[in-house]
N, C-alpha and C. Protein backbone atom coordinates (compact mmCIF):
# COMPACT_ATOMS: atom_id res chain seq x y z
N UNK A 1 -31.37 -2.74 -8.38
CA UNK A 1 -30.09 -2.85 -7.71
C UNK A 1 -29.28 -3.99 -8.34
N UNK A 2 -28.00 -3.72 -8.65
CA UNK A 2 -27.14 -4.73 -9.24
C UNK A 2 -26.33 -5.44 -8.17
N UNK A 3 -26.04 -6.71 -8.42
CA UNK A 3 -25.27 -7.52 -7.49
C UNK A 3 -23.88 -7.79 -8.06
N UNK A 4 -22.87 -7.74 -7.18
CA UNK A 4 -21.50 -7.95 -7.62
C UNK A 4 -20.68 -8.68 -6.57
N UNK A 5 -19.46 -9.05 -6.95
CA UNK A 5 -18.51 -9.65 -6.02
C UNK A 5 -17.17 -8.96 -6.19
N UNK A 6 -16.27 -9.18 -5.22
CA UNK A 6 -14.89 -8.77 -5.39
C UNK A 6 -13.98 -9.90 -4.95
N UNK A 7 -12.85 -10.04 -5.66
CA UNK A 7 -11.96 -11.17 -5.46
C UNK A 7 -10.51 -10.72 -5.47
N UNK A 8 -9.66 -11.61 -4.97
CA UNK A 8 -8.21 -11.40 -5.02
C UNK A 8 -7.55 -12.77 -5.13
N UNK A 9 -6.24 -12.80 -4.99
CA UNK A 9 -5.51 -14.06 -5.06
C UNK A 9 -5.96 -15.06 -4.00
N UNK A 10 -6.58 -14.56 -2.92
CA UNK A 10 -7.04 -15.46 -1.86
C UNK A 10 -8.09 -16.44 -2.36
N UNK A 11 -8.84 -16.07 -3.39
CA UNK A 11 -9.89 -16.95 -3.92
C UNK A 11 -9.33 -17.99 -4.90
N UNK A 12 -8.12 -17.78 -5.41
CA UNK A 12 -7.60 -18.70 -6.41
C UNK A 12 -8.41 -18.61 -7.69
N UNK A 13 -8.65 -19.75 -8.32
CA UNK A 13 -9.41 -19.78 -9.57
C UNK A 13 -10.88 -19.49 -9.31
N UNK A 14 -11.40 -18.48 -9.97
CA UNK A 14 -12.79 -18.08 -9.82
C UNK A 14 -13.60 -18.61 -11.01
N UNK A 15 -14.76 -19.20 -10.72
CA UNK A 15 -15.64 -19.71 -11.77
C UNK A 15 -16.56 -18.57 -12.21
N UNK A 16 -16.09 -17.79 -13.17
CA UNK A 16 -16.85 -16.61 -13.59
C UNK A 16 -18.14 -16.99 -14.31
N UNK A 17 -18.14 -18.10 -15.03
CA UNK A 17 -19.39 -18.56 -15.66
C UNK A 17 -20.47 -18.77 -14.60
N UNK A 18 -20.08 -19.42 -13.51
CA UNK A 18 -21.04 -19.70 -12.43
C UNK A 18 -21.61 -18.40 -11.86
N UNK A 19 -20.75 -17.44 -11.56
CA UNK A 19 -21.22 -16.19 -10.96
C UNK A 19 -22.13 -15.43 -11.93
N UNK A 20 -21.73 -15.39 -13.20
CA UNK A 20 -22.53 -14.67 -14.20
C UNK A 20 -23.90 -15.31 -14.37
N UNK A 21 -23.95 -16.62 -14.24
CA UNK A 21 -25.23 -17.33 -14.40
C UNK A 21 -26.08 -17.30 -13.14
N UNK A 22 -25.53 -16.74 -12.07
CA UNK A 22 -26.27 -16.68 -10.81
C UNK A 22 -26.48 -15.26 -10.32
N UNK A 23 -26.69 -14.36 -11.25
CA UNK A 23 -27.15 -13.03 -10.91
C UNK A 23 -26.10 -11.98 -10.65
N UNK A 24 -24.82 -12.30 -10.87
CA UNK A 24 -23.77 -11.30 -10.66
C UNK A 24 -23.62 -10.46 -11.91
N UNK A 25 -23.66 -9.14 -11.73
CA UNK A 25 -23.60 -8.20 -12.85
C UNK A 25 -22.28 -7.44 -12.94
N UNK A 26 -21.56 -7.34 -11.82
CA UNK A 26 -20.28 -6.61 -11.84
C UNK A 26 -19.33 -7.26 -10.85
N UNK A 27 -18.04 -6.96 -11.03
CA UNK A 27 -17.04 -7.53 -10.14
C UNK A 27 -15.80 -6.66 -10.13
N UNK A 28 -15.10 -6.72 -9.00
CA UNK A 28 -13.79 -6.09 -8.87
C UNK A 28 -12.77 -7.18 -8.57
N UNK A 29 -11.59 -7.08 -9.17
CA UNK A 29 -10.50 -8.00 -8.89
C UNK A 29 -9.28 -7.19 -8.47
N UNK A 30 -8.57 -7.70 -7.46
CA UNK A 30 -7.34 -7.04 -7.03
C UNK A 30 -6.31 -7.15 -8.14
N UNK A 31 -5.67 -6.00 -8.44
CA UNK A 31 -4.60 -5.98 -9.44
C UNK A 31 -3.23 -5.86 -8.79
N UNK A 32 -3.13 -4.92 -7.82
CA UNK A 32 -1.82 -4.60 -7.26
C UNK A 32 -1.94 -4.18 -5.81
N UNK A 33 -0.77 -4.13 -5.16
CA UNK A 33 -0.66 -3.61 -3.79
C UNK A 33 0.69 -2.92 -3.68
N UNK A 34 0.68 -1.71 -3.11
CA UNK A 34 1.93 -0.98 -2.98
C UNK A 34 2.56 -0.70 -4.33
N UNK A 35 3.89 -0.66 -4.37
CA UNK A 35 4.61 -0.31 -5.60
C UNK A 35 5.16 -1.51 -6.34
N UNK A 36 5.09 -2.71 -5.74
CA UNK A 36 5.75 -3.86 -6.36
C UNK A 36 4.87 -5.10 -6.49
N UNK A 37 3.89 -5.30 -5.60
CA UNK A 37 3.11 -6.53 -5.63
C UNK A 37 2.06 -6.50 -6.73
N UNK A 38 2.02 -7.58 -7.52
CA UNK A 38 0.96 -7.77 -8.52
C UNK A 38 0.24 -9.07 -8.21
N UNK A 39 -1.08 -9.05 -8.24
CA UNK A 39 -1.88 -10.23 -7.96
C UNK A 39 -1.73 -11.23 -9.11
N UNK A 40 -1.28 -12.43 -8.78
CA UNK A 40 -1.00 -13.43 -9.81
C UNK A 40 -2.26 -13.87 -10.57
N UNK A 41 -3.43 -13.67 -9.98
CA UNK A 41 -4.68 -14.10 -10.61
C UNK A 41 -5.38 -12.98 -11.36
N UNK A 42 -4.82 -11.78 -11.34
CA UNK A 42 -5.56 -10.65 -11.88
C UNK A 42 -5.87 -10.80 -13.37
N UNK A 43 -4.88 -11.12 -14.17
CA UNK A 43 -5.12 -11.20 -15.62
C UNK A 43 -6.21 -12.23 -15.94
N UNK A 44 -6.15 -13.37 -15.27
CA UNK A 44 -7.18 -14.40 -15.49
C UNK A 44 -8.55 -13.88 -15.06
N UNK A 45 -8.62 -13.20 -13.92
CA UNK A 45 -9.90 -12.66 -13.47
C UNK A 45 -10.42 -11.58 -14.41
N UNK A 46 -9.54 -10.72 -14.88
CA UNK A 46 -9.92 -9.62 -15.79
C UNK A 46 -10.53 -10.19 -17.06
N UNK A 47 -9.89 -11.23 -17.60
CA UNK A 47 -10.40 -11.87 -18.81
C UNK A 47 -11.71 -12.59 -18.53
N UNK A 48 -11.78 -13.29 -17.40
CA UNK A 48 -13.00 -14.03 -17.06
C UNK A 48 -14.20 -13.13 -16.88
N UNK A 49 -14.00 -11.99 -16.23
CA UNK A 49 -15.10 -11.04 -16.07
C UNK A 49 -15.58 -10.53 -17.42
N UNK A 50 -14.62 -10.16 -18.26
CA UNK A 50 -14.99 -9.58 -19.55
C UNK A 50 -15.70 -10.60 -20.44
N UNK A 51 -15.20 -11.84 -20.44
CA UNK A 51 -15.81 -12.87 -21.28
C UNK A 51 -17.24 -13.19 -20.85
N UNK A 52 -17.58 -12.90 -19.60
CA UNK A 52 -18.93 -13.16 -19.10
C UNK A 52 -19.80 -11.90 -19.04
N UNK A 53 -19.34 -10.85 -19.70
CA UNK A 53 -20.13 -9.63 -19.85
C UNK A 53 -20.45 -8.95 -18.53
N UNK A 54 -19.58 -9.15 -17.55
CA UNK A 54 -19.74 -8.41 -16.29
C UNK A 54 -19.15 -7.02 -16.45
N UNK A 55 -19.65 -6.07 -15.67
CA UNK A 55 -18.98 -4.78 -15.57
C UNK A 55 -17.68 -5.04 -14.80
N UNK A 56 -16.55 -4.72 -15.43
CA UNK A 56 -15.24 -5.08 -14.89
C UNK A 56 -14.66 -3.97 -14.04
N UNK A 57 -14.16 -4.34 -12.86
CA UNK A 57 -13.49 -3.40 -11.99
C UNK A 57 -12.15 -3.95 -11.53
N UNK A 58 -11.14 -3.09 -11.46
CA UNK A 58 -9.82 -3.45 -10.95
C UNK A 58 -9.52 -2.56 -9.75
N UNK A 59 -8.89 -3.16 -8.71
CA UNK A 59 -8.58 -2.33 -7.55
C UNK A 59 -7.12 -2.47 -7.12
N UNK A 60 -6.65 -1.41 -6.49
CA UNK A 60 -5.30 -1.33 -5.95
C UNK A 60 -5.38 -1.22 -4.44
N UNK A 61 -4.63 -2.07 -3.73
CA UNK A 61 -4.58 -2.00 -2.27
C UNK A 61 -3.53 -0.97 -1.89
N UNK A 62 -3.98 0.11 -1.25
CA UNK A 62 -3.10 1.24 -0.95
C UNK A 62 -2.12 0.92 0.18
N UNK A 63 -0.89 1.35 0.00
CA UNK A 63 0.13 1.35 1.04
C UNK A 63 0.56 2.80 1.22
N UNK A 64 -0.12 3.53 2.12
CA UNK A 64 0.10 4.98 2.24
C UNK A 64 1.52 5.40 2.60
N UNK A 65 2.33 4.48 3.13
CA UNK A 65 3.71 4.84 3.44
C UNK A 65 4.56 4.95 2.17
N UNK A 66 4.05 4.46 1.05
CA UNK A 66 4.79 4.50 -0.20
C UNK A 66 4.46 5.72 -1.03
N UNK A 67 5.00 5.75 -2.23
CA UNK A 67 4.82 6.87 -3.15
C UNK A 67 3.53 6.68 -3.96
N UNK A 68 2.60 7.62 -3.89
CA UNK A 68 1.31 7.43 -4.57
C UNK A 68 1.42 7.40 -6.09
N UNK A 69 2.32 8.22 -6.65
CA UNK A 69 2.47 8.23 -8.10
C UNK A 69 3.06 6.91 -8.60
N UNK A 70 4.03 6.38 -7.88
CA UNK A 70 4.61 5.09 -8.27
C UNK A 70 3.56 3.98 -8.16
N UNK A 71 2.75 4.03 -7.12
CA UNK A 71 1.72 3.01 -6.96
C UNK A 71 0.66 3.12 -8.04
N UNK A 72 0.32 4.34 -8.44
CA UNK A 72 -0.65 4.54 -9.53
C UNK A 72 -0.10 3.98 -10.83
N UNK A 73 1.18 4.25 -11.11
CA UNK A 73 1.81 3.75 -12.34
C UNK A 73 1.88 2.23 -12.33
N UNK A 74 2.20 1.66 -11.18
CA UNK A 74 2.27 0.19 -11.04
C UNK A 74 0.90 -0.43 -11.30
N UNK A 75 -0.14 0.16 -10.75
CA UNK A 75 -1.50 -0.34 -10.93
C UNK A 75 -1.90 -0.28 -12.40
N UNK A 76 -1.71 0.86 -13.04
CA UNK A 76 -2.15 1.02 -14.43
C UNK A 76 -1.35 0.12 -15.36
N UNK A 77 -0.07 -0.11 -15.04
CA UNK A 77 0.73 -1.02 -15.86
C UNK A 77 0.19 -2.44 -15.78
N UNK A 78 -0.24 -2.85 -14.57
CA UNK A 78 -0.81 -4.19 -14.41
C UNK A 78 -2.11 -4.33 -15.20
N UNK A 79 -2.92 -3.30 -15.19
CA UNK A 79 -4.17 -3.34 -15.96
C UNK A 79 -3.87 -3.40 -17.46
N UNK A 80 -2.89 -2.64 -17.91
CA UNK A 80 -2.51 -2.69 -19.33
C UNK A 80 -2.05 -4.10 -19.73
N UNK A 81 -1.21 -4.70 -18.89
CA UNK A 81 -0.71 -6.05 -19.20
C UNK A 81 -1.84 -7.06 -19.29
N UNK A 82 -2.90 -6.85 -18.54
CA UNK A 82 -4.03 -7.78 -18.52
C UNK A 82 -5.01 -7.55 -19.66
N UNK A 83 -4.79 -6.51 -20.45
CA UNK A 83 -5.68 -6.25 -21.58
C UNK A 83 -6.19 -4.83 -21.66
N UNK A 84 -5.90 -4.04 -20.62
CA UNK A 84 -6.27 -2.63 -20.65
C UNK A 84 -7.70 -2.34 -20.24
N UNK A 85 -7.99 -1.06 -20.21
CA UNK A 85 -9.32 -0.58 -19.86
C UNK A 85 -10.18 -0.44 -21.10
N UNK A 86 -11.40 -0.93 -21.02
CA UNK A 86 -12.39 -0.76 -22.06
C UNK A 86 -13.49 0.15 -21.53
N UNK A 87 -14.31 0.61 -22.44
CA UNK A 87 -15.36 1.56 -22.06
C UNK A 87 -16.23 1.00 -20.93
N UNK A 88 -16.40 1.78 -19.88
CA UNK A 88 -17.24 1.40 -18.75
C UNK A 88 -16.52 0.66 -17.65
N UNK A 89 -15.25 0.28 -17.87
CA UNK A 89 -14.50 -0.41 -16.81
C UNK A 89 -14.27 0.53 -15.63
N UNK A 90 -14.23 -0.06 -14.44
CA UNK A 90 -14.09 0.69 -13.20
C UNK A 90 -12.71 0.46 -12.59
N UNK A 91 -12.23 1.46 -11.87
CA UNK A 91 -11.01 1.31 -11.07
C UNK A 91 -11.32 1.76 -9.65
N UNK A 92 -10.61 1.19 -8.69
CA UNK A 92 -10.88 1.51 -7.29
C UNK A 92 -9.60 1.51 -6.47
N UNK A 93 -9.60 2.31 -5.42
CA UNK A 93 -8.53 2.35 -4.44
C UNK A 93 -9.05 1.72 -3.16
N UNK A 94 -8.40 0.65 -2.73
CA UNK A 94 -8.74 -0.03 -1.47
C UNK A 94 -7.96 0.67 -0.36
N UNK A 95 -8.66 1.49 0.39
CA UNK A 95 -8.04 2.32 1.42
C UNK A 95 -8.50 1.84 2.79
N UNK A 96 -7.72 0.94 3.39
CA UNK A 96 -8.14 0.36 4.66
C UNK A 96 -7.01 0.17 5.65
N UNK A 97 -5.79 0.57 5.30
CA UNK A 97 -4.69 0.50 6.25
C UNK A 97 -3.95 1.83 6.26
N UNK A 98 -3.45 2.22 7.44
CA UNK A 98 -2.78 3.52 7.54
C UNK A 98 -1.26 3.41 7.56
N UNK A 99 -0.73 2.20 7.55
CA UNK A 99 0.73 2.01 7.61
C UNK A 99 1.35 2.80 8.76
N UNK A 100 0.60 2.95 9.86
CA UNK A 100 1.05 3.65 11.06
C UNK A 100 1.29 5.15 10.82
N UNK A 101 0.61 5.70 9.83
CA UNK A 101 0.72 7.13 9.54
C UNK A 101 -0.49 7.87 10.10
N UNK A 102 -0.35 9.19 10.36
CA UNK A 102 -1.50 9.97 10.81
C UNK A 102 -2.52 10.14 9.69
N UNK A 103 -3.78 10.37 10.04
CA UNK A 103 -4.84 10.46 9.03
C UNK A 103 -4.56 11.45 7.90
N UNK A 104 -3.98 12.59 8.21
CA UNK A 104 -3.75 13.59 7.15
C UNK A 104 -2.80 13.05 6.08
N UNK A 105 -1.82 12.22 6.50
CA UNK A 105 -0.88 11.63 5.54
C UNK A 105 -1.58 10.57 4.69
N UNK A 106 -2.43 9.78 5.33
CA UNK A 106 -3.17 8.74 4.60
C UNK A 106 -4.09 9.38 3.57
N UNK A 107 -4.83 10.38 3.98
CA UNK A 107 -5.75 11.07 3.07
C UNK A 107 -5.00 11.76 1.94
N UNK A 108 -3.85 12.34 2.27
CA UNK A 108 -3.04 12.99 1.25
C UNK A 108 -2.54 12.00 0.21
N UNK A 109 -2.11 10.83 0.68
CA UNK A 109 -1.71 9.77 -0.23
C UNK A 109 -2.86 9.42 -1.17
N UNK A 110 -4.03 9.19 -0.61
CA UNK A 110 -5.17 8.77 -1.41
C UNK A 110 -5.55 9.82 -2.45
N UNK A 111 -5.54 11.07 -2.07
CA UNK A 111 -5.87 12.13 -3.03
C UNK A 111 -4.87 12.15 -4.18
N UNK A 112 -3.60 12.01 -3.87
CA UNK A 112 -2.56 12.04 -4.92
C UNK A 112 -2.66 10.81 -5.81
N UNK A 113 -2.95 9.63 -5.24
CA UNK A 113 -3.11 8.43 -6.06
C UNK A 113 -4.28 8.61 -7.03
N UNK A 114 -5.39 9.08 -6.50
CA UNK A 114 -6.58 9.28 -7.35
C UNK A 114 -6.32 10.30 -8.45
N UNK A 115 -5.64 11.38 -8.11
CA UNK A 115 -5.32 12.39 -9.10
C UNK A 115 -4.42 11.83 -10.20
N UNK A 116 -3.44 11.00 -9.80
CA UNK A 116 -2.53 10.41 -10.78
C UNK A 116 -3.26 9.45 -11.71
N UNK A 117 -4.13 8.62 -11.16
CA UNK A 117 -4.88 7.68 -12.00
C UNK A 117 -5.83 8.42 -12.93
N UNK A 118 -6.50 9.43 -12.42
CA UNK A 118 -7.42 10.20 -13.27
C UNK A 118 -6.68 10.88 -14.41
N UNK A 119 -5.51 11.46 -14.10
CA UNK A 119 -4.73 12.16 -15.12
C UNK A 119 -4.19 11.20 -16.18
N UNK A 120 -3.73 10.03 -15.74
CA UNK A 120 -3.08 9.10 -16.66
C UNK A 120 -4.06 8.23 -17.41
N UNK A 121 -5.16 7.87 -16.78
CA UNK A 121 -6.08 6.90 -17.39
C UNK A 121 -7.42 7.49 -17.79
N UNK A 122 -7.73 8.70 -17.34
CA UNK A 122 -8.98 9.31 -17.72
C UNK A 122 -10.20 8.69 -17.08
N UNK A 123 -10.02 8.13 -15.87
CA UNK A 123 -11.15 7.54 -15.16
C UNK A 123 -11.03 7.90 -13.69
N UNK A 124 -12.14 8.23 -13.08
CA UNK A 124 -12.14 8.64 -11.67
C UNK A 124 -12.33 7.41 -10.79
N UNK A 125 -11.41 7.16 -9.87
CA UNK A 125 -11.50 5.96 -9.04
C UNK A 125 -12.68 5.98 -8.06
N UNK A 126 -13.09 4.79 -7.70
CA UNK A 126 -14.01 4.54 -6.60
C UNK A 126 -13.14 4.32 -5.36
N UNK A 127 -13.61 4.76 -4.19
CA UNK A 127 -12.86 4.57 -2.94
C UNK A 127 -13.54 3.49 -2.10
N UNK A 128 -12.79 2.41 -1.84
CA UNK A 128 -13.25 1.35 -0.94
C UNK A 128 -12.68 1.61 0.45
N UNK A 129 -13.54 1.66 1.45
CA UNK A 129 -13.08 1.85 2.82
C UNK A 129 -14.16 1.36 3.78
N UNK A 130 -13.93 1.55 5.07
CA UNK A 130 -14.94 1.15 6.05
C UNK A 130 -15.18 2.29 7.04
N UNK A 131 -16.24 2.16 7.81
CA UNK A 131 -16.78 3.27 8.59
C UNK A 131 -15.76 3.91 9.53
N UNK A 132 -15.16 3.13 10.43
CA UNK A 132 -14.27 3.72 11.43
C UNK A 132 -13.03 4.31 10.80
N UNK A 133 -12.54 3.70 9.73
CA UNK A 133 -11.35 4.22 9.05
C UNK A 133 -11.63 5.62 8.50
N UNK A 134 -12.79 5.78 7.88
CA UNK A 134 -13.16 7.09 7.35
C UNK A 134 -13.44 8.09 8.46
N UNK A 135 -14.13 7.65 9.51
CA UNK A 135 -14.46 8.56 10.60
C UNK A 135 -13.22 9.07 11.33
N UNK A 136 -12.12 8.32 11.24
CA UNK A 136 -10.87 8.76 11.86
C UNK A 136 -10.13 9.80 11.04
N UNK A 137 -10.68 10.17 9.88
CA UNK A 137 -10.10 11.25 9.09
C UNK A 137 -9.21 10.80 7.95
N UNK A 138 -9.14 9.48 7.71
CA UNK A 138 -8.24 8.97 6.68
C UNK A 138 -8.73 9.20 5.26
N UNK A 139 -9.96 9.69 5.11
CA UNK A 139 -10.54 9.88 3.78
C UNK A 139 -10.85 11.35 3.49
N UNK A 140 -10.26 12.25 4.25
CA UNK A 140 -10.53 13.68 4.07
C UNK A 140 -10.23 14.11 2.64
N UNK A 141 -11.16 14.85 2.04
CA UNK A 141 -10.96 15.37 0.70
C UNK A 141 -11.32 14.42 -0.42
N UNK A 142 -11.88 13.27 -0.09
CA UNK A 142 -12.21 12.27 -1.11
C UNK A 142 -13.69 12.25 -1.46
N UNK A 143 -14.43 13.22 -0.99
CA UNK A 143 -15.88 13.19 -1.20
C UNK A 143 -16.27 13.28 -2.67
N UNK A 144 -15.36 13.72 -3.54
CA UNK A 144 -15.67 13.80 -4.97
C UNK A 144 -15.58 12.47 -5.69
N UNK A 145 -15.15 11.44 -4.99
CA UNK A 145 -15.04 10.11 -5.58
C UNK A 145 -16.14 9.20 -5.03
N UNK A 146 -16.67 8.30 -5.86
CA UNK A 146 -17.75 7.42 -5.38
C UNK A 146 -17.29 6.54 -4.22
N UNK A 147 -18.18 6.32 -3.27
CA UNK A 147 -17.88 5.53 -2.08
C UNK A 147 -18.32 4.09 -2.24
N UNK A 148 -17.36 3.19 -2.03
CA UNK A 148 -17.62 1.75 -1.93
C UNK A 148 -17.37 1.39 -0.47
N UNK A 149 -18.44 1.20 0.28
CA UNK A 149 -18.32 1.06 1.73
C UNK A 149 -18.45 -0.41 2.17
N UNK A 150 -17.47 -0.85 2.95
CA UNK A 150 -17.52 -2.19 3.52
C UNK A 150 -18.31 -2.11 4.83
N UNK A 151 -19.47 -2.74 4.84
CA UNK A 151 -20.32 -2.73 6.02
C UNK A 151 -21.09 -4.04 6.08
N UNK A 152 -20.39 -5.16 6.37
CA UNK A 152 -21.04 -6.47 6.34
C UNK A 152 -22.04 -6.69 7.46
N UNK A 153 -22.03 -5.82 8.46
CA UNK A 153 -22.99 -5.99 9.57
C UNK A 153 -24.28 -5.22 9.35
N UNK A 154 -24.36 -4.49 8.25
CA UNK A 154 -25.57 -3.73 7.93
C UNK A 154 -26.41 -4.49 6.91
N UNK A 155 -27.73 -4.29 6.93
CA UNK A 155 -28.57 -4.92 5.91
C UNK A 155 -28.15 -4.50 4.51
N UNK A 156 -28.34 -5.37 3.57
CA UNK A 156 -27.99 -5.10 2.18
C UNK A 156 -28.62 -3.80 1.70
N UNK A 157 -27.77 -2.89 1.21
CA UNK A 157 -28.24 -1.62 0.69
C UNK A 157 -28.55 -0.58 1.75
N UNK A 158 -28.14 -0.85 3.00
CA UNK A 158 -28.41 0.12 4.07
C UNK A 158 -27.17 0.34 4.95
N UNK A 159 -26.04 0.68 4.34
CA UNK A 159 -24.84 0.93 5.14
C UNK A 159 -24.89 2.30 5.79
N UNK A 160 -24.16 2.45 6.89
CA UNK A 160 -23.93 3.77 7.44
C UNK A 160 -22.91 4.48 6.56
N UNK A 161 -23.12 5.75 6.32
CA UNK A 161 -22.25 6.51 5.42
C UNK A 161 -21.40 7.48 6.24
N UNK A 162 -20.07 7.31 6.22
CA UNK A 162 -19.20 8.20 6.99
C UNK A 162 -18.86 9.46 6.20
N UNK A 163 -18.57 10.55 6.91
CA UNK A 163 -18.01 11.71 6.26
C UNK A 163 -16.65 11.36 5.70
N UNK A 164 -16.21 11.99 4.62
CA UNK A 164 -16.78 13.20 4.02
C UNK A 164 -17.92 12.95 3.03
N UNK A 165 -18.36 11.72 2.89
CA UNK A 165 -19.42 11.43 1.93
C UNK A 165 -20.80 11.66 2.56
N UNK A 166 -21.79 11.84 1.69
CA UNK A 166 -23.16 11.91 2.17
C UNK A 166 -24.05 10.85 1.51
N UNK A 167 -23.43 10.01 0.66
CA UNK A 167 -24.17 8.92 0.04
C UNK A 167 -23.20 7.81 -0.33
N UNK A 168 -23.73 6.59 -0.43
CA UNK A 168 -22.91 5.46 -0.86
C UNK A 168 -23.21 5.12 -2.30
N UNK A 169 -22.25 4.47 -2.96
CA UNK A 169 -22.42 4.03 -4.34
C UNK A 169 -22.45 2.51 -4.42
N UNK A 170 -21.50 1.84 -3.75
CA UNK A 170 -21.45 0.39 -3.68
C UNK A 170 -21.37 -0.02 -2.22
N UNK A 171 -22.14 -1.03 -1.85
CA UNK A 171 -22.14 -1.53 -0.48
C UNK A 171 -21.65 -2.97 -0.48
N UNK A 172 -20.52 -3.22 0.18
CA UNK A 172 -20.06 -4.59 0.42
C UNK A 172 -20.79 -5.07 1.67
N UNK A 173 -21.77 -5.94 1.46
CA UNK A 173 -22.69 -6.28 2.54
C UNK A 173 -22.43 -7.66 3.14
N UNK A 174 -21.55 -8.43 2.51
CA UNK A 174 -21.27 -9.78 3.00
C UNK A 174 -19.87 -10.19 2.56
N UNK A 175 -19.24 -11.04 3.36
CA UNK A 175 -17.92 -11.54 2.95
C UNK A 175 -17.83 -13.07 3.05
N UNK A 176 -18.96 -13.73 3.01
CA UNK A 176 -18.98 -15.19 3.01
C UNK A 176 -19.99 -15.71 1.97
N UNK A 177 -19.64 -16.68 1.16
CA UNK A 177 -18.32 -17.29 1.05
C UNK A 177 -17.35 -16.46 0.22
N UNK A 178 -17.87 -15.41 -0.42
CA UNK A 178 -17.05 -14.48 -1.18
C UNK A 178 -17.60 -13.09 -0.88
N UNK A 179 -16.78 -12.05 -1.06
CA UNK A 179 -17.25 -10.68 -0.81
C UNK A 179 -18.37 -10.34 -1.78
N UNK A 180 -19.51 -9.91 -1.22
CA UNK A 180 -20.67 -9.60 -2.05
C UNK A 180 -21.03 -8.11 -1.93
N UNK A 181 -21.45 -7.54 -3.04
CA UNK A 181 -21.70 -6.11 -3.12
C UNK A 181 -23.01 -5.83 -3.85
N UNK A 182 -23.55 -4.66 -3.59
CA UNK A 182 -24.68 -4.17 -4.38
C UNK A 182 -24.39 -2.74 -4.84
N UNK A 183 -24.91 -2.42 -6.01
CA UNK A 183 -24.84 -1.06 -6.56
C UNK A 183 -26.25 -0.54 -6.70
N UNK A 184 -26.48 0.64 -6.18
CA UNK A 184 -27.82 1.23 -6.22
C UNK A 184 -28.00 1.97 -7.55
N UNK A 185 -28.43 1.23 -8.56
CA UNK A 185 -28.62 1.84 -9.88
C UNK A 185 -28.63 0.78 -10.97
N UNK A 186 -28.57 1.24 -12.21
CA UNK A 186 -28.61 0.37 -13.37
C UNK A 186 -27.20 0.10 -13.89
N UNK A 187 -27.11 -0.83 -14.82
CA UNK A 187 -25.81 -1.11 -15.44
C UNK A 187 -25.26 0.13 -16.14
N UNK A 188 -26.14 0.85 -16.83
CA UNK A 188 -25.70 2.07 -17.52
C UNK A 188 -25.18 3.10 -16.52
N UNK A 189 -25.83 3.20 -15.38
CA UNK A 189 -25.38 4.14 -14.36
C UNK A 189 -24.04 3.71 -13.76
N UNK A 190 -23.83 2.41 -13.62
CA UNK A 190 -22.57 1.92 -13.09
C UNK A 190 -21.44 2.17 -14.09
N UNK A 191 -21.64 1.82 -15.34
CA UNK A 191 -20.58 2.03 -16.33
C UNK A 191 -20.31 3.50 -16.59
N UNK A 192 -21.27 4.36 -16.28
CA UNK A 192 -21.02 5.80 -16.45
C UNK A 192 -19.94 6.30 -15.50
N UNK A 193 -19.66 5.53 -14.44
CA UNK A 193 -18.60 5.88 -13.50
C UNK A 193 -17.23 5.42 -13.99
N UNK A 194 -17.23 4.67 -15.11
CA UNK A 194 -16.00 4.04 -15.57
C UNK A 194 -15.28 4.78 -16.67
N UNK A 195 -14.46 4.03 -17.36
CA UNK A 195 -13.54 4.54 -18.37
C UNK A 195 -14.29 4.90 -19.65
N UNK A 196 -13.93 6.06 -20.25
CA UNK A 196 -14.66 6.48 -21.44
C UNK A 196 -13.79 7.03 -22.56
N UNK A 197 -12.48 6.89 -22.43
CA UNK A 197 -11.64 7.29 -23.55
C UNK A 197 -11.77 6.27 -24.68
N UNK A 198 -11.42 6.73 -25.89
CA UNK A 198 -11.48 5.82 -27.05
C UNK A 198 -10.34 4.82 -27.01
N UNK A 199 -9.17 5.25 -26.56
CA UNK A 199 -8.02 4.35 -26.51
C UNK A 199 -7.84 3.83 -25.10
N UNK A 200 -7.23 2.63 -24.96
CA UNK A 200 -6.95 2.08 -23.65
C UNK A 200 -5.93 2.94 -22.92
N UNK A 201 -6.02 2.89 -21.57
CA UNK A 201 -5.05 3.63 -20.75
C UNK A 201 -3.69 2.99 -20.87
């Protein structure tokens, strides 16, 4: 089982050397939110992860009330500015707010965002969400994408899995002092979920 963390601007400067030297094998950093917000620390985090040989992941915080194609383009542009996608890099959609929309609209947004990213970048996103959000129907039709489940109250590697999924891929099992995750598999298996085109997206 591999250990990882996820970060955003809330963490400020991250000591990637320290994490890499203390058993962290992969990480996700927030890149964007909605159609306009870009995380000021993303480029630094993207470089820091890569320089320390971590499996690199970038995530977009979904705003379902907005346009999914515009948000996908905004996210991929931020990743390009930070250095682009390399072989094995991961992308993820952080799906945890409904913007006061009904579940079918939220799920529809997520499907369209994932389709746009897959078409433009050639990589299938991971879906980050939590149990009750998924059980309320906000993730309908996303079972073809790997599940990154936030379940800090469950033992490490033993999260409850909500429909439409029947298995988890990444478990966020703790959020103190930083969000901590585990992947059930090897580094090769994790990077197989990532980017595999010859050219950057």
